[in-house]
Protein backbone atom coordinates (compact mmCIF):
# COMPACT_ATOMS: atom_id res chain seq x y z
CA UNK A 1 25.48 3.19 7.88
CA UNK A 2 23.59 1.16 5.27
CA UNK A 3 20.19 1.47 6.93
CA UNK A 4 20.45 5.25 7.21
CA UNK A 5 21.55 5.52 3.58
CA UNK A 6 18.60 3.42 2.42
CA UNK A 7 16.18 5.53 4.44
CA UNK A 8 17.69 8.74 3.08
CA UNK A 9 17.35 7.46 -0.48
CA UNK A 10 13.77 6.40 0.30
CA UNK A 11 12.88 9.83 1.67
CA UNK A 12 14.74 12.06 -0.78
CA UNK A 13 14.35 10.49 -4.22
CA UNK A 14 11.56 9.23 -6.43
CA UNK A 15 9.65 6.28 -4.96
CA UNK A 16 11.02 2.83 -5.74
CA UNK A 17 8.98 -0.35 -5.74
CA UNK A 18 11.04 -2.30 -3.24
CA UNK A 19 13.15 -1.32 -0.26
CA UNK A 20 15.24 -4.16 1.14
CA UNK A 21 14.82 -3.86 4.89
CA UNK A 22 16.37 -7.18 5.89
CA UNK A 23 19.07 -5.35 7.81
CA UNK A 24 16.33 -3.74 9.91
CA UNK A 25 15.28 -7.17 11.20
CA UNK A 26 12.30 -7.53 8.87
CA UNK A 27 11.70 -9.03 5.49
CA UNK A 28 10.92 -6.97 2.44
CA UNK A 29 9.04 -3.68 2.35
CA UNK A 30 6.80 -2.91 -0.64
CA UNK A 31 4.83 0.27 -1.22
CA UNK A 32 2.60 1.80 -3.82
CA UNK A 33 0.17 4.50 -4.82
CA UNK A 34 -3.47 3.92 -5.79
CA UNK A 35 -5.29 6.59 -7.76
CA UNK A 36 -8.79 7.59 -6.70
CA UNK A 37 -10.41 5.91 -9.71
CA UNK A 38 -8.67 2.60 -9.04
CA UNK A 39 -5.64 2.10 -11.27
CA UNK A 40 -2.22 1.64 -9.82
CA UNK A 41 -0.29 4.86 -9.73
CA UNK A 42 3.44 5.25 -9.66
CA UNK A 43 5.08 3.69 -7.78
CA UNK A 44 3.50 0.27 -7.67
CA UNK A 45 5.30 -3.05 -7.07
CA UNK A 46 6.24 -4.90 -10.25
CA UNK A 47 3.99 -7.89 -10.91
CA UNK A 48 1.26 -6.78 -8.50
CA UNK A 49 -2.20 -5.90 -9.78
CA UNK A 50 -5.12 -3.84 -8.58
CA UNK A 51 -8.85 -3.96 -9.21
CA UNK A 52 -11.64 -1.63 -8.19
CA UNK A 53 -14.53 -3.89 -7.11
CA UNK A 54 -16.65 -0.92 -6.06
CA UNK A 55 -16.59 2.71 -5.07
CA UNK A 56 -13.88 3.29 -2.48
CA UNK A 57 -12.60 -0.31 -2.58
CA UNK A 58 -9.24 -1.24 -4.06
CA UNK A 59 -8.18 -4.90 -4.16
CA UNK A 60 -4.39 -5.34 -4.40
CA UNK A 61 -3.12 -8.77 -5.52
CA UNK A 62 0.48 -9.54 -4.56
CA UNK A 63 0.70 -13.38 -4.66
CA UNK A 64 3.03 -13.55 -1.63
CA UNK A 65 1.36 -16.83 -0.69
CA UNK A 66 0.88 -16.29 3.05
CA UNK A 67 -0.39 -13.77 5.59
CA UNK A 68 2.95 -13.13 7.30
CA UNK A 69 2.78 -9.45 6.45
CA UNK A 70 1.33 -6.19 7.71
CA UNK A 71 -0.20 -3.43 5.61
CA UNK A 72 -0.40 0.24 6.48
CA UNK A 73 -2.38 2.69 4.35
CA UNK A 74 -2.87 6.43 4.37
CA UNK A 75 -4.83 8.86 2.25
CA UNK A 76 -2.97 10.90 -0.35
CA UNK A 77 -4.59 14.21 0.65
CA UNK A 78 -6.00 15.53 3.90
CA UNK A 79 -9.72 14.99 4.14
CA UNK A 80 -12.49 13.84 6.43
CA UNK A 81 -12.25 10.36 4.90
CA UNK A 82 -10.98 7.22 6.59
CA UNK A 83 -8.90 4.40 5.16
CA UNK A 84 -8.76 0.80 6.35
CA UNK A 85 -7.32 -2.55 5.32
CA UNK A 86 -9.75 -5.42 4.92
CA UNK A 87 -9.90 -8.87 3.34
CA UNK A 88 -6.21 -9.58 3.98
CA UNK A 89 -5.41 -13.02 2.58
CA UNK A 90 -2.48 -15.12 1.31
CA UNK A 91 -2.41 -13.34 -2.04
CA UNK A 92 -4.24 -10.03 -1.67
CA UNK A 93 -5.66 -7.32 0.54
CA UNK A 94 -8.27 -4.61 0.09
CA UNK A 95 -7.97 -0.93 0.91
CA UNK A 96 -11.31 0.75 1.65
CA UNK A 97 -11.84 4.51 1.80
CA UNK A 98 -14.98 6.01 3.27
CA UNK A 99 -16.55 9.19 4.59
CA UNK A 100 -16.82 9.94 8.30
CA UNK A 101 -20.30 8.34 8.27
CA UNK A 102 -19.07 5.13 6.64
CA UNK A 103 -20.10 5.65 3.01
CA UNK A 104 -17.51 4.21 0.64
CA UNK A 105 -15.96 6.98 -1.46
CA UNK A 106 -13.16 7.13 -4.01
CA UNK A 107 -9.88 8.52 -2.68
CA UNK A 108 -6.22 8.20 -3.64
CA UNK A 109 -4.01 6.41 -1.12
CA UNK A 110 -0.54 5.07 -0.42
CA UNK A 111 0.21 1.70 1.15
CA UNK A 112 3.22 0.03 2.71
CA UNK A 113 3.39 -3.77 3.04
CA UNK A 114 5.98 -5.19 5.43
CA UNK A 115 6.68 -8.85 4.85
CA UNK A 116 7.88 -11.00 7.74
């Protein structure tokens, strides 16, 4: 089955920058890694950019052109930090990492963007 093969490749090989999930009933799935000091890690979608507007804030620019997408983020390592998506717009979103008391702090994270 094509879907199972794609998921096995996704889980068992080096990260790719795009997984075509149209046969799952969705649009495209993009994912990437953000280092704790702000630059894009590997993998990161081709043509996308990242900036670090402040401690614990990572602005990802994708230029999709609409908000028909969802973003999920998780921290790279276990910690007492939290991660959230904010400022989602037509062409970008921001990942924010903070301590349990809400202080922004630098932390590496992964994200998955599912486009409708």
